[in-house]
Structures are given as C-alpha cells and as structure tokens.
Amino acid sequence: MAPPPSAKGSAIATREASTFNDADRLFLRAAATNRMAGAEVAQLGGQKRADAAVAQFSERMTKDHAALGERLAAIARDAGVSAPAALDKERAAMLDELRSASGPDFDRRFWTYQLAEHQKAAQLLSYEIGSGLNPALKGLASEVLPTVMQHLRQIQTYAAAVGTGSQ
C-alpha cells in the first residue's frame, strides 16, 4: 500500500535533505547570494544606465534571476536548508560602487560586475554539476549553465565595447 500523499511528500523532502553534501550547501548559499545581488544590480541598471544595452540586459537578468530564485527557494525549502538573508561584503561593496556611479561610468562598472559574476556563476554551476549530490540541484545547475554561458558571451561583447578591460 502506498503512503498517503502528505507522507509521501514528507518522505521525499526527508530523502532530498539527506542527499545534500557540502557542494550542494555551498551551491545553494552562493546561488542565493548571487540571485539577491543580481536582482539589485539589474534594478540599478534599469535606473542609472547611459546605454540602452544595460537596460535591456538588466530586464533579462530580472526575469532570469526571479525564475531561478523561485526554483532555488523551493529546493531549499523542501530540503530544510536556509538561504542567506544578506549579501556578502564583496557584493555589498560592489553595489555601493554601482549606486555611486552614473552615466558611462556606471555602464563600465555594470559590465565589469556582470563579467566577474557570470564567470563565478559558471564555475559554481560546473562545480555543482561535478561535485553535488542532490539530484534537483545538479539538474538545475545543468539546465542553467548554458544560459549563464550565453549571458557571459553577451557580456563580453558589451564589456569590450565600453573598454572594461580583460575578458
């Protein structure tokens, strides 16, 4: 006899929580922090940009980060893992720099930030794919990595156009 639906859901959540390793926990924390920072940067990009490309990319980031955030929150909730409530010092400092910039200077800083963060995201996703244990997180990372790589190629083009330096 199959367990009742509520017991089955509880069993799945327990099983999912027990299949988390350190790589999964690191991925969840870092992805949640990236999502929070990305949402704030996208909001600033829509407000402070000089170039329309920043606004367009910010709009895309807002949509992509919202969708990813919902999926990450559901996986974390089902596994009983909490996400960080605040940004780390590095991202908070970058946000402060972006808030103080305007016009073309803002655009250069925006692309520099996006380049660094998307490179880190690609590494993080690859790490989860190779080292994670949780099937839901590994699947999500595998699904999201191609999109992040597409974003990265686009960012590299924009960054080169405004002269942000290395790619």
C-alpha atoms as a PDB file:
ATOM      1  CA  MET A   1       0.000   0.000   0.000  1.00  0.00           C
ATOM      2  CA  ALA A   2       1.359   3.424  -0.982  1.00  0.00           C
ATOM      3  CA  PRO A   3       1.796   6.068   1.707  1.00  0.00           C
ATOM      4  CA  PRO A   4      -0.734   8.914   1.766  1.00  0.00           C
ATOM      5  CA  PRO A   5       0.269  11.932  -0.362  1.00  0.00           C
ATOM      6  CA  SER A   6       1.319  14.055   2.632  1.00  0.00           C
ATOM      7  CA  ALA A   7       3.506  11.246   3.977  1.00  0.00           C
ATOM      8  CA  LYS A   8       4.949  10.686   0.520  1.00  0.00           C
ATOM      9  CA  GLY A   9       5.814  14.396   0.195  1.00  0.00           C
ATOM     10  CA  SER A  10       7.393  14.330   3.621  1.00  0.00           C
ATOM     11  CA  ALA A  11       9.425  11.250   2.681  1.00  0.00           C
ATOM     12  CA  ILE A  12      10.637  12.964  -0.491  1.00  0.00           C
ATOM     13  CA  ALA A  13      11.646  16.077   1.460  1.00  0.00           C
ATOM     14  CA  THR A  14      13.493  13.926   4.002  1.00  0.00           C
ATOM     15  CA  ARG A  15      15.230  11.985   1.241  1.00  0.00           C
ATOM     16  CA  GLU A  16      16.169  15.212  -0.582  1.00  0.00           C
ATOM     17  CA  ALA A  17      17.561  16.731   2.627  1.00  0.00           C
ATOM     18  CA  SER A  18      19.628  13.626   3.257  1.00  0.00           C
ATOM     19  CA  THR A  19      21.148  13.816  -0.219  1.00  0.00           C
ATOM     20  CA  PHE A  20      22.799  17.190   0.343  1.00  0.00           C
ATOM     21  CA  ASN A  21      26.567  17.292   0.576  1.00  0.00           C
ATOM     22  CA  ASP A  22      28.903  20.232   1.210  1.00  0.00           C
ATOM     23  CA  ALA A  23      28.989  21.113  -2.509  1.00  0.00           C
ATOM     24  CA  ASP A  24      25.178  21.329  -2.538  1.00  0.00           C
ATOM     25  CA  ARG A  25      25.097  23.570   0.527  1.00  0.00           C
ATOM     26  CA  LEU A  26      27.810  25.810  -0.925  1.00  0.00           C
ATOM     27  CA  PHE A  27      25.942  25.982  -4.211  1.00  0.00           C
ATOM     28  CA  LEU A  28      22.657  26.906  -2.539  1.00  0.00           C
ATOM     29  CA  ARG A  29      24.214  29.648  -0.414  1.00  0.00           C
ATOM     30  CA  ALA A  30      26.276  31.106  -3.260  1.00  0.00           C
ATOM     31  CA  ALA A  31      23.434  30.901  -5.789  1.00  0.00           C
ATOM     32  CA  ALA A  32      21.051  32.606  -3.372  1.00  0.00           C
ATOM     33  CA  THR A  33      23.574  35.385  -2.733  1.00  0.00           C
ATOM     34  CA  ASN A  34      24.224  35.757  -6.469  1.00  0.00           C
ATOM     35  CA  ARG A  35      20.497  35.968  -7.117  1.00  0.00           C
ATOM     36  CA  MET A  36      19.986  38.664  -4.472  1.00  0.00           C
ATOM     37  CA  ALA A  37      22.888  40.751  -5.748  1.00  0.00           C
ATOM     38  CA  GLY A  38      21.909  40.197  -9.375  1.00  0.00           C
ATOM     39  CA  ALA A  39      18.398  41.430  -8.731  1.00  0.00           C
ATOM     40  CA  GLU A  40      19.683  44.621  -7.116  1.00  0.00           C
ATOM     41  CA  VAL A  41      22.229  45.235  -9.868  1.00  0.00           C
ATOM     42  CA  ALA A  42      19.551  44.708 -12.516  1.00  0.00           C
ATOM     43  CA  GLN A  43      17.323  47.251 -10.775  1.00  0.00           C
ATOM     44  CA  LEU A  44      20.168  49.770 -10.735  1.00  0.00           C
ATOM     45  CA  GLY A  45      20.902  49.013 -14.383  1.00  0.00           C
ATOM     46  CA  GLY A  46      17.367  49.906 -15.311  1.00  0.00           C
ATOM     47  CA  GLN A  47      17.620  53.219 -13.435  1.00  0.00           C
ATOM     48  CA  LYS A  48      21.175  54.521 -13.814  1.00  0.00           C
ATOM     49  CA  ARG A  49      22.383  53.335 -17.193  1.00  0.00           C
ATOM     50  CA  ALA A  50      23.533  55.552 -20.024  1.00  0.00           C
ATOM     51  CA  ASP A  51      23.401  52.823 -22.684  1.00  0.00           C
ATOM     52  CA  ALA A  52      20.146  51.104 -23.660  1.00  0.00           C
ATOM     53  CA  ALA A  53      22.013  47.761 -23.749  1.00  0.00           C
ATOM     54  CA  VAL A  54      22.419  47.951 -19.959  1.00  0.00           C
ATOM     55  CA  ALA A  55      18.677  48.439 -19.550  1.00  0.00           C
ATOM     56  CA  GLN A  56      17.890  45.540 -21.903  1.00  0.00           C
ATOM     57  CA  PHE A  57      20.329  43.221 -20.161  1.00  0.00           C
ATOM     58  CA  SER A  58      19.016  44.324 -16.755  1.00  0.00           C
ATOM     59  CA  GLU A  59      15.485  43.444 -17.802  1.00  0.00           C
ATOM     60  CA  ARG A  60      16.614  39.985 -18.878  1.00  0.00           C
ATOM     61  CA  MET A  61      18.512  39.499 -15.602  1.00  0.00           C
ATOM     62  CA  THR A  62      15.451  40.499 -13.612  1.00  0.00           C
ATOM     63  CA  LYS A  63      13.377  37.792 -15.309  1.00  0.00           C
ATOM     64  CA  ASP A  64      16.076  35.113 -15.208  1.00  0.00           C
ATOM     65  CA  HIS A  65      17.008  35.769 -11.581  1.00  0.00           C
ATOM     66  CA  ALA A  66      13.371  35.748 -10.468  1.00  0.00           C
ATOM     67  CA  ALA A  67      12.747  32.380 -12.108  1.00  0.00           C
ATOM     68  CA  LEU A  68      15.964  30.911 -10.711  1.00  0.00           C
ATOM     69  CA  GLY A  69      15.227  32.313  -7.267  1.00  0.00           C
ATOM     70  CA  GLU A  70      11.841  30.627  -7.132  1.00  0.00           C
ATOM     71  CA  ARG A  71      13.337  27.269  -8.086  1.00  0.00           C
ATOM     72  CA  LEU A  72      16.222  27.567  -5.623  1.00  0.00           C
ATOM     73  CA  ALA A  73      13.866  28.584  -2.821  1.00  0.00           C
ATOM     74  CA  ALA A  74      11.621  25.585  -3.493  1.00  0.00           C
ATOM     75  CA  ILE A  75      14.550  23.144  -3.435  1.00  0.00           C
ATOM     76  CA  ALA A  76      15.979  24.708  -0.274  1.00  0.00           C
ATOM     77  CA  ARG A  77      12.578  24.748   1.432  1.00  0.00           C
ATOM     78  CA  ASP A  78      11.907  21.111   0.545  1.00  0.00           C
ATOM     79  CA  ALA A  79      15.300  20.171   1.939  1.00  0.00           C
ATOM     80  CA  GLY A  80      15.029  22.327   5.047  1.00  0.00           C
ATOM     81  CA  VAL A  81      18.078  24.394   4.075  1.00  0.00           C
ATOM     82  CA  SER A  82      18.009  28.136   4.697  1.00  0.00           C
ATOM     83  CA  ALA A  83      19.409  30.684   2.282  1.00  0.00           C
ATOM     84  CA  PRO A  84      21.471  33.656   3.426  1.00  0.00           C
ATOM     85  CA  ALA A  85      19.442  36.715   4.357  1.00  0.00           C
ATOM     86  CA  ALA A  86      22.070  39.295   3.380  1.00  0.00           C
ATOM     87  CA  LEU A  87      24.744  39.880   0.788  1.00  0.00           C
ATOM     88  CA  ASP A  88      28.380  39.111   1.455  1.00  0.00           C
ATOM     89  CA  LYS A  89      30.807  42.031   1.923  1.00  0.00           C
ATOM     90  CA  GLU A  90      32.227  41.785  -1.606  1.00  0.00           C
ATOM     91  CA  ARG A  91      28.849  42.106  -3.316  1.00  0.00           C
ATOM     92  CA  ALA A  92      27.631  44.765  -0.895  1.00  0.00           C
ATOM     93  CA  ALA A  93      30.735  46.844  -1.684  1.00  0.00           C
ATOM     94  CA  MET A  94      30.198  46.425  -5.442  1.00  0.00           C
ATOM     95  CA  LEU A  95      26.584  47.536  -5.056  1.00  0.00           C
ATOM     96  CA  ASP A  96      27.749  50.614  -3.164  1.00  0.00           C
ATOM     97  CA  GLU A  97      30.141  51.411  -6.031  1.00  0.00           C
ATOM     98  CA  LEU A  98      27.361  50.994  -8.576  1.00  0.00           C
ATOM     99  CA  ARG A  99      24.991  53.185  -6.564  1.00  0.00           C
ATOM    100  CA  SER A 100      27.551  55.993  -6.524  1.00  0.00           C
ATOM    101  CA  ALA A 101      28.266  55.811 -10.270  1.00  0.00           C
ATOM    102  CA  SER A 102      26.265  57.292 -13.111  1.00  0.00           C
ATOM    103  CA  GLY A 103      26.242  57.585 -16.884  1.00  0.00           C
ATOM    104  CA  PRO A 104      29.039  55.885 -18.857  1.00  0.00           C
ATOM    105  CA  ASP A 105      30.984  55.229 -15.628  1.00  0.00           C
ATOM    106  CA  PHE A 106      28.009  53.272 -14.313  1.00  0.00           C
ATOM    107  CA  ASP A 107      27.822  51.284 -17.563  1.00  0.00           C
ATOM    108  CA  ARG A 108      31.531  50.327 -17.368  1.00  0.00           C
ATOM    109  CA  ARG A 109      31.187  49.266 -13.738  1.00  0.00           C
ATOM    110  CA  PHE A 110      27.966  47.398 -14.527  1.00  0.00           C
ATOM    111  CA  TRP A 111      29.630  45.329 -17.285  1.00  0.00           C
ATOM    112  CA  THR A 112      32.710  44.717 -15.145  1.00  0.00           C
ATOM    113  CA  TYR A 113      30.480  43.446 -12.349  1.00  0.00           C
ATOM    114  CA  GLN A 114      28.405  41.297 -14.722  1.00  0.00           C
ATOM    115  CA  LEU A 115      31.528  39.801 -16.283  1.00  0.00           C
ATOM    116  CA  ALA A 116      33.028  38.812 -12.926  1.00  0.00           C
ATOM    117  CA  GLU A 117      29.756  37.499 -11.508  1.00  0.00           C
ATOM    118  CA  HIS A 118      28.865  35.436 -14.563  1.00  0.00           C
ATOM    119  CA  GLN A 119      32.351  33.910 -14.637  1.00  0.00           C
ATOM    120  CA  LYS A 120      31.909  32.958 -10.963  1.00  0.00           C
ATOM    121  CA  ALA A 121      28.420  31.628 -11.673  1.00  0.00           C
ATOM    122  CA  ALA A 122      29.715  29.406 -14.483  1.00  0.00           C
ATOM    123  CA  GLN A 123      32.367  27.995 -12.145  1.00  0.00           C
ATOM    124  CA  LEU A 124      29.824  27.475  -9.375  1.00  0.00           C
ATOM    125  CA  LEU A 125      27.387  25.681 -11.676  1.00  0.00           C
ATOM    126  CA  SER A 126      30.157  23.470 -13.061  1.00  0.00           C
ATOM    127  CA  TYR A 127      31.260  22.642  -9.519  1.00  0.00           C
ATOM    128  CA  GLU A 128      27.729  21.635  -8.539  1.00  0.00           C
ATOM    129  CA  ILE A 129      27.336  19.509 -11.658  1.00  0.00           C
ATOM    130  CA  GLY A 130      30.597  17.681 -10.928  1.00  0.00           C
ATOM    131  CA  SER A 131      30.571  17.543  -7.146  1.00  0.00           C
ATOM    132  CA  GLY A 132      26.983  17.922  -5.958  1.00  0.00           C
ATOM    133  CA  LEU A 133      24.916  15.057  -4.649  1.00  0.00           C
ATOM    134  CA  ASN A 134      21.382  16.425  -4.711  1.00  0.00           C
ATOM    135  CA  PRO A 135      19.703  15.456  -7.997  1.00  0.00           C
ATOM    136  CA  ALA A 136      17.408  18.506  -8.053  1.00  0.00           C
ATOM    137  CA  LEU A 137      20.326  20.920  -7.634  1.00  0.00           C
ATOM    138  CA  LYS A 138      22.543  19.094 -10.109  1.00  0.00           C
ATOM    139  CA  GLY A 139      19.702  19.118 -12.623  1.00  0.00           C
ATOM    140  CA  LEU A 140      19.065  22.806 -12.073  1.00  0.00           C
ATOM    141  CA  ALA A 141      22.775  23.596 -12.464  1.00  0.00           C
ATOM    142  CA  SER A 142      22.926  21.564 -15.673  1.00  0.00           C
ATOM    143  CA  GLU A 143      19.903  23.376 -17.019  1.00  0.00           C
ATOM    144  CA  VAL A 144      21.098  26.876 -16.067  1.00  0.00           C
ATOM    145  CA  LEU A 145      24.762  26.614 -17.157  1.00  0.00           C
ATOM    146  CA  PRO A 146      24.085  27.059 -20.907  1.00  0.00           C
ATOM    147  CA  THR A 147      22.057  30.215 -20.186  1.00  0.00           C
ATOM    148  CA  VAL A 148      24.829  31.625 -17.996  1.00  0.00           C
ATOM    149  CA  MET A 149      27.367  30.897 -20.740  1.00  0.00           C
ATOM    150  CA  GLN A 150      25.143  32.676 -23.248  1.00  0.00           C
ATOM    151  CA  HIS A 151      24.892  35.668 -20.892  1.00  0.00           C
ATOM    152  CA  LEU A 152      28.667  35.613 -20.461  1.00  0.00           C
ATOM    153  CA  ARG A 153      29.298  35.777 -24.209  1.00  0.00           C
ATOM    154  CA  GLN A 154      26.894  38.694 -24.480  1.00  0.00           C
ATOM    155  CA  ILE A 155      28.525  40.473 -21.536  1.00  0.00           C
ATOM    156  CA  GLN A 156      31.990  40.014 -23.042  1.00  0.00           C
ATOM    157  CA  THR A 157      30.807  41.736 -26.215  1.00  0.00           C
ATOM    158  CA  TYR A 158      29.316  44.672 -24.303  1.00  0.00           C
ATOM    159  CA  ALA A 159      32.295  44.897 -21.950  1.00  0.00           C
ATOM    160  CA  ALA A 160      34.720  45.068 -24.863  1.00  0.00           C
ATOM    161  CA  ALA A 161      32.621  47.795 -26.488  1.00  0.00           C
ATOM    162  CA  VAL A 162      32.886  50.051 -23.428  1.00  0.00           C
ATOM    163  CA  GLY A 163      36.517  49.165 -22.701  1.00  0.00           C
ATOM    164  CA  THR A 164      36.222  47.415 -19.349  1.00  0.00           C
ATOM    165  CA  GLY A 165      39.488  45.521 -19.735  1.00  0.00           C
ATOM    166  CA  SER A 166      40.157  41.798 -19.665  1.00  0.00           C
ATOM    167  CA  GLN A 167      37.646  39.228 -20.696  1.00  0.00           C
END
